N, C-alpha and C. Protein backbone atom coordinates (compact mmCIF):
# COMPACT_ATOMS: atom_id res chain seq x y z
N MET A 1 -23.16 -0.83 5.61
CA MET A 1 -21.99 0.00 5.60
C MET A 1 -21.92 0.73 4.26
N ASN A 2 -21.55 1.96 4.33
CA ASN A 2 -21.41 2.77 3.13
C ASN A 2 -20.38 2.13 2.20
N ILE A 3 -20.67 2.15 0.91
CA ILE A 3 -19.82 1.47 -0.08
C ILE A 3 -18.42 2.09 -0.13
N VAL A 4 -18.31 3.38 0.10
CA VAL A 4 -17.00 4.03 0.08
C VAL A 4 -16.15 3.53 1.24
N TYR A 5 -16.74 3.46 2.43
CA TYR A 5 -15.99 2.96 3.59
C TYR A 5 -15.60 1.50 3.41
N LYS A 6 -16.49 0.72 2.81
CA LYS A 6 -16.20 -0.70 2.57
C LYS A 6 -14.97 -0.85 1.68
N HIS A 7 -14.88 -0.03 0.63
CA HIS A 7 -13.74 -0.14 -0.28
C HIS A 7 -12.47 0.46 0.32
N ILE A 8 -12.60 1.45 1.17
CA ILE A 8 -11.41 1.99 1.86
C ILE A 8 -10.84 0.94 2.81
N ILE A 9 -11.72 0.25 3.53
CA ILE A 9 -11.26 -0.81 4.42
C ILE A 9 -10.63 -1.94 3.62
N ARG A 10 -11.25 -2.31 2.51
CA ARG A 10 -10.67 -3.34 1.63
C ARG A 10 -9.30 -2.91 1.13
N PHE A 11 -9.18 -1.64 0.73
CA PHE A 11 -7.90 -1.12 0.23
C PHE A 11 -6.81 -1.31 1.27
N VAL A 12 -7.08 -0.90 2.49
CA VAL A 12 -6.09 -0.99 3.57
C VAL A 12 -5.74 -2.45 3.86
N VAL A 13 -6.76 -3.30 3.96
CA VAL A 13 -6.52 -4.71 4.28
C VAL A 13 -5.74 -5.40 3.16
N PHE A 14 -6.14 -5.19 1.90
CA PHE A 14 -5.45 -5.83 0.79
C PHE A 14 -4.01 -5.33 0.66
N ALA A 15 -3.80 -4.02 0.80
CA ALA A 15 -2.45 -3.48 0.70
C ALA A 15 -1.58 -4.01 1.84
N PHE A 16 -2.12 -4.05 3.05
CA PHE A 16 -1.39 -4.56 4.20
C PHE A 16 -1.03 -6.03 4.02
N LEU A 17 -2.02 -6.84 3.64
CA LEU A 17 -1.77 -8.27 3.45
C LEU A 17 -0.75 -8.53 2.35
N GLN A 18 -0.88 -7.80 1.23
CA GLN A 18 0.05 -8.03 0.12
C GLN A 18 1.46 -7.61 0.50
N ALA A 19 1.61 -6.42 1.03
CA ALA A 19 2.95 -5.89 1.29
C ALA A 19 3.64 -6.56 2.46
N LEU A 20 2.90 -6.85 3.51
CA LEU A 20 3.54 -7.34 4.72
C LEU A 20 3.41 -8.84 4.96
N VAL A 21 2.56 -9.52 4.21
CA VAL A 21 2.40 -10.96 4.41
C VAL A 21 2.80 -11.72 3.14
N PHE A 22 2.06 -11.52 2.05
CA PHE A 22 2.26 -12.34 0.86
C PHE A 22 3.57 -12.05 0.13
N ASN A 23 4.06 -10.83 0.19
CA ASN A 23 5.35 -10.54 -0.46
C ASN A 23 6.52 -11.12 0.34
N GLN A 24 6.29 -11.49 1.59
CA GLN A 24 7.35 -12.06 2.42
C GLN A 24 7.42 -13.58 2.32
N LEU A 25 6.40 -14.20 1.71
CA LEU A 25 6.38 -15.66 1.58
C LEU A 25 7.33 -16.10 0.47
N ASN A 26 8.08 -17.14 0.74
CA ASN A 26 8.97 -17.70 -0.26
C ASN A 26 8.52 -19.14 -0.50
N ILE A 27 7.67 -19.33 -1.49
CA ILE A 27 7.10 -20.65 -1.75
C ILE A 27 8.04 -21.49 -2.60
N GLY A 28 8.73 -20.91 -3.52
CA GLY A 28 9.62 -21.63 -4.42
C GLY A 28 9.07 -21.64 -5.84
N PHE A 29 9.87 -22.12 -6.78
CA PHE A 29 9.51 -22.21 -8.20
C PHE A 29 9.14 -20.85 -8.79
N GLY A 30 9.57 -19.76 -8.19
CA GLY A 30 9.26 -18.44 -8.69
C GLY A 30 7.85 -17.98 -8.42
N ILE A 31 7.16 -18.64 -7.49
CA ILE A 31 5.76 -18.30 -7.20
C ILE A 31 5.69 -17.07 -6.32
N HIS A 32 4.85 -16.15 -6.73
CA HIS A 32 4.62 -14.90 -6.01
C HIS A 32 3.11 -14.73 -5.88
N LEU A 33 2.57 -14.89 -4.68
CA LEU A 33 1.12 -14.76 -4.48
C LEU A 33 0.71 -13.30 -4.53
N MET A 34 -0.33 -13.01 -5.30
CA MET A 34 -0.82 -11.63 -5.45
C MET A 34 -2.31 -11.58 -5.20
N ILE A 35 -2.70 -10.77 -4.21
CA ILE A 35 -4.13 -10.60 -3.94
C ILE A 35 -4.63 -9.21 -4.33
N GLN A 36 -3.72 -8.30 -4.62
CA GLN A 36 -4.15 -6.94 -4.95
C GLN A 36 -4.98 -6.87 -6.22
N PRO A 37 -4.82 -7.76 -7.21
CA PRO A 37 -5.73 -7.71 -8.36
C PRO A 37 -7.18 -7.99 -7.99
N LEU A 38 -7.40 -8.76 -6.93
CA LEU A 38 -8.77 -9.02 -6.49
C LEU A 38 -9.43 -7.73 -6.02
N PHE A 39 -8.67 -6.84 -5.40
CA PHE A 39 -9.24 -5.56 -4.98
C PHE A 39 -9.73 -4.77 -6.19
N ILE A 40 -8.94 -4.73 -7.25
CA ILE A 40 -9.34 -4.01 -8.46
C ILE A 40 -10.56 -4.68 -9.08
N MET A 41 -10.60 -6.00 -9.06
CA MET A 41 -11.74 -6.74 -9.62
C MET A 41 -13.03 -6.44 -8.86
N LEU A 42 -12.95 -6.28 -7.55
CA LEU A 42 -14.14 -6.11 -6.73
C LEU A 42 -14.65 -4.67 -6.66
N LEU A 43 -13.99 -3.75 -7.35
CA LEU A 43 -14.51 -2.38 -7.40
C LEU A 43 -15.85 -2.36 -8.13
N PRO A 44 -16.70 -1.37 -7.85
CA PRO A 44 -18.06 -1.35 -8.45
C PRO A 44 -18.03 -1.29 -9.98
N PHE A 45 -19.09 -1.84 -10.57
CA PHE A 45 -19.22 -1.86 -12.03
C PHE A 45 -19.25 -0.46 -12.62
N GLU A 46 -19.92 0.47 -11.94
CA GLU A 46 -20.14 1.79 -12.52
C GLU A 46 -18.92 2.71 -12.41
N LEU A 47 -17.85 2.27 -11.78
CA LEU A 47 -16.65 3.08 -11.67
C LEU A 47 -15.99 3.19 -13.05
N THR A 48 -15.72 4.41 -13.47
CA THR A 48 -15.13 4.63 -14.79
C THR A 48 -13.62 4.37 -14.75
N VAL A 49 -13.01 4.36 -15.92
CA VAL A 49 -11.63 3.91 -16.05
C VAL A 49 -10.63 4.85 -15.37
N ILE A 50 -10.83 6.15 -15.44
CA ILE A 50 -9.85 7.09 -14.88
C ILE A 50 -9.79 6.99 -13.35
N PRO A 51 -10.92 7.04 -12.63
CA PRO A 51 -10.82 6.85 -11.17
C PRO A 51 -10.28 5.47 -10.79
N MET A 52 -10.65 4.46 -11.57
CA MET A 52 -10.16 3.12 -11.28
C MET A 52 -8.65 3.04 -11.45
N MET A 53 -8.14 3.68 -12.50
CA MET A 53 -6.69 3.70 -12.70
C MET A 53 -5.99 4.49 -11.58
N GLY A 54 -6.63 5.54 -11.09
CA GLY A 54 -6.08 6.29 -9.96
C GLY A 54 -6.02 5.45 -8.69
N ILE A 55 -7.07 4.70 -8.44
CA ILE A 55 -7.10 3.80 -7.27
C ILE A 55 -6.04 2.72 -7.43
N ALA A 56 -5.93 2.16 -8.64
CA ALA A 56 -4.93 1.12 -8.90
C ALA A 56 -3.52 1.68 -8.73
N PHE A 57 -3.31 2.91 -9.19
CA PHE A 57 -2.00 3.55 -9.04
C PHE A 57 -1.66 3.71 -7.56
N LEU A 58 -2.62 4.16 -6.78
CA LEU A 58 -2.39 4.36 -5.35
C LEU A 58 -2.11 3.03 -4.65
N MET A 59 -2.89 1.99 -4.98
CA MET A 59 -2.68 0.67 -4.39
C MET A 59 -1.30 0.14 -4.76
N GLY A 60 -0.94 0.24 -6.02
CA GLY A 60 0.37 -0.23 -6.47
C GLY A 60 1.51 0.54 -5.84
N LEU A 61 1.33 1.84 -5.71
CA LEU A 61 2.36 2.68 -5.11
C LEU A 61 2.60 2.30 -3.66
N VAL A 62 1.53 2.09 -2.90
CA VAL A 62 1.65 1.70 -1.50
C VAL A 62 2.40 0.36 -1.39
N ILE A 63 2.01 -0.60 -2.23
CA ILE A 63 2.66 -1.92 -2.17
C ILE A 63 4.11 -1.82 -2.63
N ASP A 64 4.37 -1.03 -3.66
CA ASP A 64 5.76 -0.86 -4.14
C ASP A 64 6.64 -0.20 -3.09
N ILE A 65 6.11 0.74 -2.35
CA ILE A 65 6.89 1.41 -1.31
C ILE A 65 7.29 0.41 -0.23
N PHE A 66 6.34 -0.41 0.20
CA PHE A 66 6.63 -1.39 1.25
C PHE A 66 7.46 -2.57 0.73
N SER A 67 7.34 -2.88 -0.55
CA SER A 67 7.99 -4.07 -1.09
C SER A 67 9.29 -3.76 -1.81
N ASN A 68 9.58 -2.48 -2.05
CA ASN A 68 10.80 -2.08 -2.73
C ASN A 68 10.86 -2.66 -4.14
N THR A 69 9.75 -2.59 -4.87
CA THR A 69 9.68 -3.18 -6.21
C THR A 69 9.68 -2.13 -7.33
N TYR A 70 9.86 -0.90 -7.03
CA TYR A 70 10.12 0.15 -8.02
C TYR A 70 9.10 0.25 -9.14
N GLY A 71 7.83 0.18 -8.85
CA GLY A 71 6.79 0.41 -9.84
C GLY A 71 6.23 -0.83 -10.52
N LEU A 72 6.70 -2.01 -10.18
CA LEU A 72 6.18 -3.22 -10.81
C LEU A 72 4.70 -3.41 -10.50
N ASN A 73 4.34 -3.32 -9.23
CA ASN A 73 2.94 -3.49 -8.85
C ASN A 73 2.08 -2.37 -9.40
N THR A 74 2.60 -1.16 -9.37
CA THR A 74 1.84 -0.01 -9.88
C THR A 74 1.54 -0.20 -11.37
N SER A 75 2.53 -0.55 -12.13
CA SER A 75 2.35 -0.72 -13.57
C SER A 75 1.35 -1.83 -13.87
N ALA A 76 1.49 -2.96 -13.22
CA ALA A 76 0.60 -4.09 -13.48
C ALA A 76 -0.83 -3.80 -13.06
N LEU A 77 -1.01 -3.12 -11.92
CA LEU A 77 -2.36 -2.80 -11.46
C LEU A 77 -3.03 -1.75 -12.34
N VAL A 78 -2.27 -0.77 -12.80
CA VAL A 78 -2.84 0.25 -13.69
C VAL A 78 -3.23 -0.38 -15.02
N LEU A 79 -2.42 -1.29 -15.53
CA LEU A 79 -2.78 -2.01 -16.76
C LEU A 79 -4.07 -2.80 -16.55
N MET A 80 -4.18 -3.49 -15.43
CA MET A 80 -5.39 -4.26 -15.15
C MET A 80 -6.61 -3.35 -15.04
N ALA A 81 -6.45 -2.21 -14.36
CA ALA A 81 -7.57 -1.27 -14.22
C ALA A 81 -7.98 -0.69 -15.57
N TYR A 82 -7.02 -0.49 -16.46
CA TYR A 82 -7.32 0.01 -17.79
C TYR A 82 -8.08 -1.03 -18.62
N LEU A 83 -7.67 -2.29 -18.51
CA LEU A 83 -8.28 -3.35 -19.30
C LEU A 83 -9.59 -3.88 -18.72
N ARG A 84 -9.84 -3.65 -17.45
CA ARG A 84 -11.03 -4.19 -16.80
C ARG A 84 -12.33 -3.79 -17.48
N PRO A 85 -12.58 -2.50 -17.80
CA PRO A 85 -13.83 -2.16 -18.48
C PRO A 85 -13.96 -2.79 -19.86
N ILE A 86 -12.85 -2.96 -20.56
CA ILE A 86 -12.88 -3.57 -21.88
C ILE A 86 -13.28 -5.04 -21.76
N VAL A 87 -12.68 -5.75 -20.82
CA VAL A 87 -13.00 -7.16 -20.61
C VAL A 87 -14.43 -7.30 -20.10
N PHE A 88 -14.83 -6.41 -19.20
CA PHE A 88 -16.21 -6.45 -18.67
C PHE A 88 -17.22 -6.23 -19.79
N LYS A 89 -16.93 -5.32 -20.70
CA LYS A 89 -17.85 -5.06 -21.80
C LYS A 89 -17.92 -6.26 -22.74
N PHE A 90 -16.78 -6.87 -22.98
CA PHE A 90 -16.73 -8.01 -23.89
C PHE A 90 -17.48 -9.22 -23.33
N TYR A 91 -17.38 -9.46 -22.03
CA TYR A 91 -18.01 -10.61 -21.40
C TYR A 91 -19.26 -10.24 -20.61
N GLY A 92 -19.79 -9.05 -20.81
CA GLY A 92 -20.95 -8.58 -20.06
C GLY A 92 -22.26 -9.11 -20.59
N PRO A 93 -23.28 -9.08 -19.74
CA PRO A 93 -24.61 -9.49 -20.20
C PRO A 93 -25.16 -8.47 -21.19
N ARG A 94 -26.08 -8.92 -22.04
CA ARG A 94 -26.65 -8.03 -23.06
C ARG A 94 -27.36 -6.82 -22.47
N GLU A 95 -28.06 -7.04 -21.38
CA GLU A 95 -28.81 -5.95 -20.77
C GLU A 95 -27.94 -5.06 -19.88
N GLY A 96 -26.67 -5.35 -19.78
CA GLY A 96 -25.75 -4.57 -18.96
C GLY A 96 -25.68 -5.10 -17.54
N TYR A 97 -24.77 -4.53 -16.80
CA TYR A 97 -24.56 -4.97 -15.42
C TYR A 97 -25.55 -4.29 -14.49
N ASP A 98 -26.01 -5.02 -13.50
CA ASP A 98 -26.89 -4.49 -12.47
C ASP A 98 -26.03 -3.71 -11.48
N PRO A 99 -26.30 -2.40 -11.30
CA PRO A 99 -25.46 -1.62 -10.39
C PRO A 99 -25.57 -2.04 -8.93
N LEU A 100 -26.58 -2.82 -8.59
CA LEU A 100 -26.72 -3.29 -7.21
C LEU A 100 -25.87 -4.52 -6.93
N LYS A 101 -25.36 -5.14 -7.97
CA LYS A 101 -24.53 -6.33 -7.81
C LYS A 101 -23.06 -5.96 -7.82
N GLU A 102 -22.26 -6.86 -7.26
CA GLU A 102 -20.81 -6.69 -7.28
C GLU A 102 -20.20 -7.70 -8.24
N PRO A 103 -19.00 -7.44 -8.74
CA PRO A 103 -18.35 -8.40 -9.64
C PRO A 103 -17.75 -9.58 -8.87
N THR A 104 -18.61 -10.34 -8.19
CA THR A 104 -18.18 -11.50 -7.42
C THR A 104 -18.73 -12.76 -8.07
N SER A 105 -18.21 -13.89 -7.64
CA SER A 105 -18.70 -15.16 -8.20
C SER A 105 -20.12 -15.44 -7.73
N GLN A 106 -20.50 -14.92 -6.57
CA GLN A 106 -21.86 -15.14 -6.08
C GLN A 106 -22.87 -14.31 -6.88
N ASP A 107 -22.56 -13.05 -7.14
CA ASP A 107 -23.49 -12.18 -7.85
C ASP A 107 -23.51 -12.43 -9.36
N MET A 108 -22.37 -12.73 -9.95
CA MET A 108 -22.27 -12.84 -11.40
C MET A 108 -22.15 -14.27 -11.90
N GLY A 109 -21.97 -15.21 -11.01
CA GLY A 109 -21.81 -16.60 -11.41
C GLY A 109 -20.35 -17.00 -11.44
N SER A 110 -20.09 -18.23 -11.09
CA SER A 110 -18.69 -18.67 -10.99
C SER A 110 -18.01 -18.78 -12.35
N SER A 111 -18.76 -19.12 -13.40
CA SER A 111 -18.13 -19.22 -14.71
C SER A 111 -17.74 -17.83 -15.23
N TRP A 112 -18.61 -16.83 -15.05
CA TRP A 112 -18.27 -15.47 -15.46
C TRP A 112 -17.07 -14.97 -14.67
N PHE A 113 -17.10 -15.16 -13.35
CA PHE A 113 -16.01 -14.68 -12.52
C PHE A 113 -14.70 -15.38 -12.87
N GLY A 114 -14.76 -16.69 -13.04
CA GLY A 114 -13.56 -17.44 -13.37
C GLY A 114 -12.94 -17.00 -14.69
N LEU A 115 -13.78 -16.77 -15.68
CA LEU A 115 -13.29 -16.35 -16.99
C LEU A 115 -12.72 -14.93 -16.95
N VAL A 116 -13.50 -14.00 -16.41
CA VAL A 116 -13.09 -12.59 -16.42
C VAL A 116 -11.91 -12.35 -15.49
N TYR A 117 -12.01 -12.85 -14.26
CA TYR A 117 -10.91 -12.62 -13.33
C TYR A 117 -9.66 -13.40 -13.75
N GLY A 118 -9.86 -14.59 -14.27
CA GLY A 118 -8.71 -15.36 -14.75
C GLY A 118 -7.98 -14.64 -15.87
N LEU A 119 -8.70 -14.06 -16.80
CA LEU A 119 -8.09 -13.31 -17.89
C LEU A 119 -7.36 -12.07 -17.38
N LEU A 120 -8.03 -11.30 -16.52
CA LEU A 120 -7.41 -10.09 -15.98
C LEU A 120 -6.20 -10.42 -15.11
N LEU A 121 -6.32 -11.45 -14.29
CA LEU A 121 -5.20 -11.84 -13.44
C LEU A 121 -4.05 -12.36 -14.28
N GLY A 122 -4.35 -13.11 -15.32
CA GLY A 122 -3.29 -13.59 -16.20
C GLY A 122 -2.54 -12.46 -16.88
N LEU A 123 -3.27 -11.46 -17.37
CA LEU A 123 -2.62 -10.31 -17.99
C LEU A 123 -1.79 -9.53 -16.97
N HIS A 124 -2.36 -9.33 -15.79
CA HIS A 124 -1.66 -8.62 -14.71
C HIS A 124 -0.37 -9.35 -14.34
N THR A 125 -0.47 -10.65 -14.14
CA THR A 125 0.68 -11.44 -13.70
C THR A 125 1.75 -11.52 -14.79
N PHE A 126 1.33 -11.70 -16.04
CA PHE A 126 2.28 -11.75 -17.14
C PHE A 126 3.03 -10.43 -17.26
N TRP A 127 2.32 -9.31 -17.18
CA TRP A 127 2.96 -8.00 -17.28
C TRP A 127 3.93 -7.79 -16.12
N PHE A 128 3.53 -8.19 -14.91
CA PHE A 128 4.37 -8.05 -13.72
C PHE A 128 5.70 -8.77 -13.92
N PHE A 129 5.64 -10.04 -14.32
CA PHE A 129 6.87 -10.82 -14.46
C PHE A 129 7.66 -10.43 -15.70
N LEU A 130 6.98 -9.98 -16.75
CA LEU A 130 7.70 -9.50 -17.93
C LEU A 130 8.56 -8.29 -17.57
N LEU A 131 8.02 -7.37 -16.77
CA LEU A 131 8.79 -6.21 -16.34
C LEU A 131 9.83 -6.57 -15.30
N GLU A 132 9.51 -7.53 -14.43
CA GLU A 132 10.46 -7.92 -13.39
C GLU A 132 11.71 -8.56 -14.00
N ILE A 133 11.53 -9.47 -14.93
CA ILE A 133 12.66 -10.18 -15.52
C ILE A 133 13.26 -9.37 -16.67
N PHE A 134 12.42 -8.77 -17.49
CA PHE A 134 12.80 -7.85 -18.56
C PHE A 134 13.86 -8.44 -19.49
N GLU A 135 13.64 -9.70 -19.87
CA GLU A 135 14.56 -10.36 -20.77
C GLU A 135 13.76 -11.39 -21.57
N LEU A 136 13.50 -11.09 -22.84
CA LEU A 136 12.68 -11.98 -23.65
C LEU A 136 13.34 -13.32 -23.91
N GLY A 137 14.63 -13.43 -23.71
CA GLY A 137 15.32 -14.70 -23.84
C GLY A 137 14.90 -15.69 -22.76
N ARG A 138 14.31 -15.19 -21.71
CA ARG A 138 13.84 -16.03 -20.60
C ARG A 138 12.32 -16.11 -20.62
N PHE A 139 11.74 -16.13 -21.80
CA PHE A 139 10.28 -16.14 -21.94
C PHE A 139 9.65 -17.36 -21.28
N GLY A 140 10.32 -18.51 -21.36
CA GLY A 140 9.80 -19.72 -20.73
C GLY A 140 9.70 -19.57 -19.22
N PHE A 141 10.70 -18.94 -18.62
CA PHE A 141 10.67 -18.70 -17.17
C PHE A 141 9.59 -17.70 -16.80
N ILE A 142 9.41 -16.67 -17.64
CA ILE A 142 8.34 -15.70 -17.41
C ILE A 142 6.98 -16.40 -17.47
N LEU A 143 6.81 -17.27 -18.45
CA LEU A 143 5.56 -18.02 -18.58
C LEU A 143 5.35 -18.97 -17.41
N GLN A 144 6.41 -19.62 -16.95
CA GLN A 144 6.31 -20.53 -15.80
C GLN A 144 5.87 -19.76 -14.56
N LYS A 145 6.51 -18.62 -14.30
CA LYS A 145 6.14 -17.82 -13.13
C LYS A 145 4.71 -17.29 -13.26
N THR A 146 4.32 -16.92 -14.48
CA THR A 146 2.97 -16.41 -14.70
C THR A 146 1.93 -17.49 -14.43
N ILE A 147 2.15 -18.67 -14.94
CA ILE A 147 1.17 -19.75 -14.78
C ILE A 147 1.09 -20.20 -13.33
N LEU A 148 2.24 -20.44 -12.70
CA LEU A 148 2.23 -20.91 -11.31
C LEU A 148 1.70 -19.84 -10.35
N SER A 149 2.22 -18.63 -10.48
CA SER A 149 1.78 -17.55 -9.59
C SER A 149 0.32 -17.18 -9.86
N GLY A 150 -0.05 -17.10 -11.12
CA GLY A 150 -1.43 -16.76 -11.47
C GLY A 150 -2.42 -17.81 -10.98
N GLY A 151 -2.08 -19.08 -11.16
CA GLY A 151 -2.97 -20.15 -10.71
C GLY A 151 -3.16 -20.16 -9.21
N LEU A 152 -2.06 -20.06 -8.46
CA LEU A 152 -2.18 -20.05 -7.00
C LEU A 152 -2.83 -18.76 -6.50
N SER A 153 -2.55 -17.64 -7.15
CA SER A 153 -3.19 -16.38 -6.77
C SER A 153 -4.69 -16.44 -7.04
N PHE A 154 -5.07 -17.11 -8.13
CA PHE A 154 -6.49 -17.28 -8.45
C PHE A 154 -7.18 -18.10 -7.37
N LEU A 155 -6.57 -19.20 -6.96
CA LEU A 155 -7.14 -20.03 -5.89
C LEU A 155 -7.22 -19.26 -4.58
N LEU A 156 -6.18 -18.48 -4.28
CA LEU A 156 -6.19 -17.65 -3.08
C LEU A 156 -7.31 -16.61 -3.14
N ALA A 157 -7.53 -16.04 -4.31
CA ALA A 157 -8.60 -15.05 -4.48
C ALA A 157 -9.97 -15.69 -4.25
N LEU A 158 -10.15 -16.93 -4.75
CA LEU A 158 -11.42 -17.63 -4.50
C LEU A 158 -11.61 -17.89 -3.02
N LEU A 159 -10.54 -18.26 -2.33
CA LEU A 159 -10.62 -18.50 -0.89
C LEU A 159 -10.95 -17.22 -0.13
N ILE A 160 -10.29 -16.14 -0.46
CA ILE A 160 -10.56 -14.85 0.18
C ILE A 160 -11.99 -14.40 -0.11
N GLN A 161 -12.41 -14.59 -1.34
CA GLN A 161 -13.76 -14.19 -1.72
C GLN A 161 -14.80 -15.01 -0.96
N SER A 162 -14.53 -16.27 -0.76
CA SER A 162 -15.50 -17.09 -0.02
C SER A 162 -15.58 -16.63 1.44
N PHE A 163 -14.46 -16.17 2.02
CA PHE A 163 -14.51 -15.63 3.37
C PHE A 163 -15.31 -14.33 3.41
N ILE A 164 -15.09 -13.46 2.42
CA ILE A 164 -15.83 -12.19 2.36
C ILE A 164 -17.32 -12.46 2.19
N LEU A 165 -17.66 -13.36 1.29
CA LEU A 165 -19.07 -13.65 1.02
C LEU A 165 -19.74 -14.36 2.19
N ASN A 166 -19.01 -15.27 2.84
CA ASN A 166 -19.59 -15.96 3.99
C ASN A 166 -19.82 -15.01 5.14
N SER A 167 -18.91 -14.07 5.36
CA SER A 167 -19.10 -13.10 6.45
C SER A 167 -20.25 -12.15 6.11
N LYS A 168 -20.45 -11.87 4.81
CA LYS A 168 -21.55 -11.00 4.39
C LYS A 168 -22.89 -11.71 4.58
N GLN A 169 -22.94 -13.02 4.33
CA GLN A 169 -24.18 -13.76 4.45
C GLN A 169 -24.59 -13.96 5.90
N LYS A 170 -23.64 -14.01 6.83
CA LYS A 170 -23.96 -14.22 8.24
C LYS A 170 -24.56 -12.99 8.89
N LYS A 171 -24.35 -11.83 8.29
CA LYS A 171 -24.87 -10.57 8.89
C LYS A 171 -26.34 -10.43 8.67
């Protein structure tokens, strides 16, 4: 399948799942499951920052429209898209990234994926809740929501990624 079509399908599926399924779940303890950062993480290595920020803006806008969150998702996803190349460069291999590989745990290794995606997801989640609550006096609550939501979202991303990779291996 053409890589552009693959990412368009991923965009639609991730936006649909986030806006209509995961945003409707009420788990408790301030937990908010987020899978849209995984879409930004799985974009190709060679994508530059400006197109990536445009894609993140569009993804966030679609989710914000359906979720009535007034730019929270857009802001957090654009921040993640901006920081992704910086984090990738910092944790990248010396010889650079192979353009034939994807930024997945299977292609790049689980320790690389866990470190890089965990950092980006943590920044994304912290920024999201910082803007949502917008009160530094409640920093402990912001941190609680960030840790709980980020941790469960990370586990959900690993689960989703294993489904994507297993379906890719069966073909």
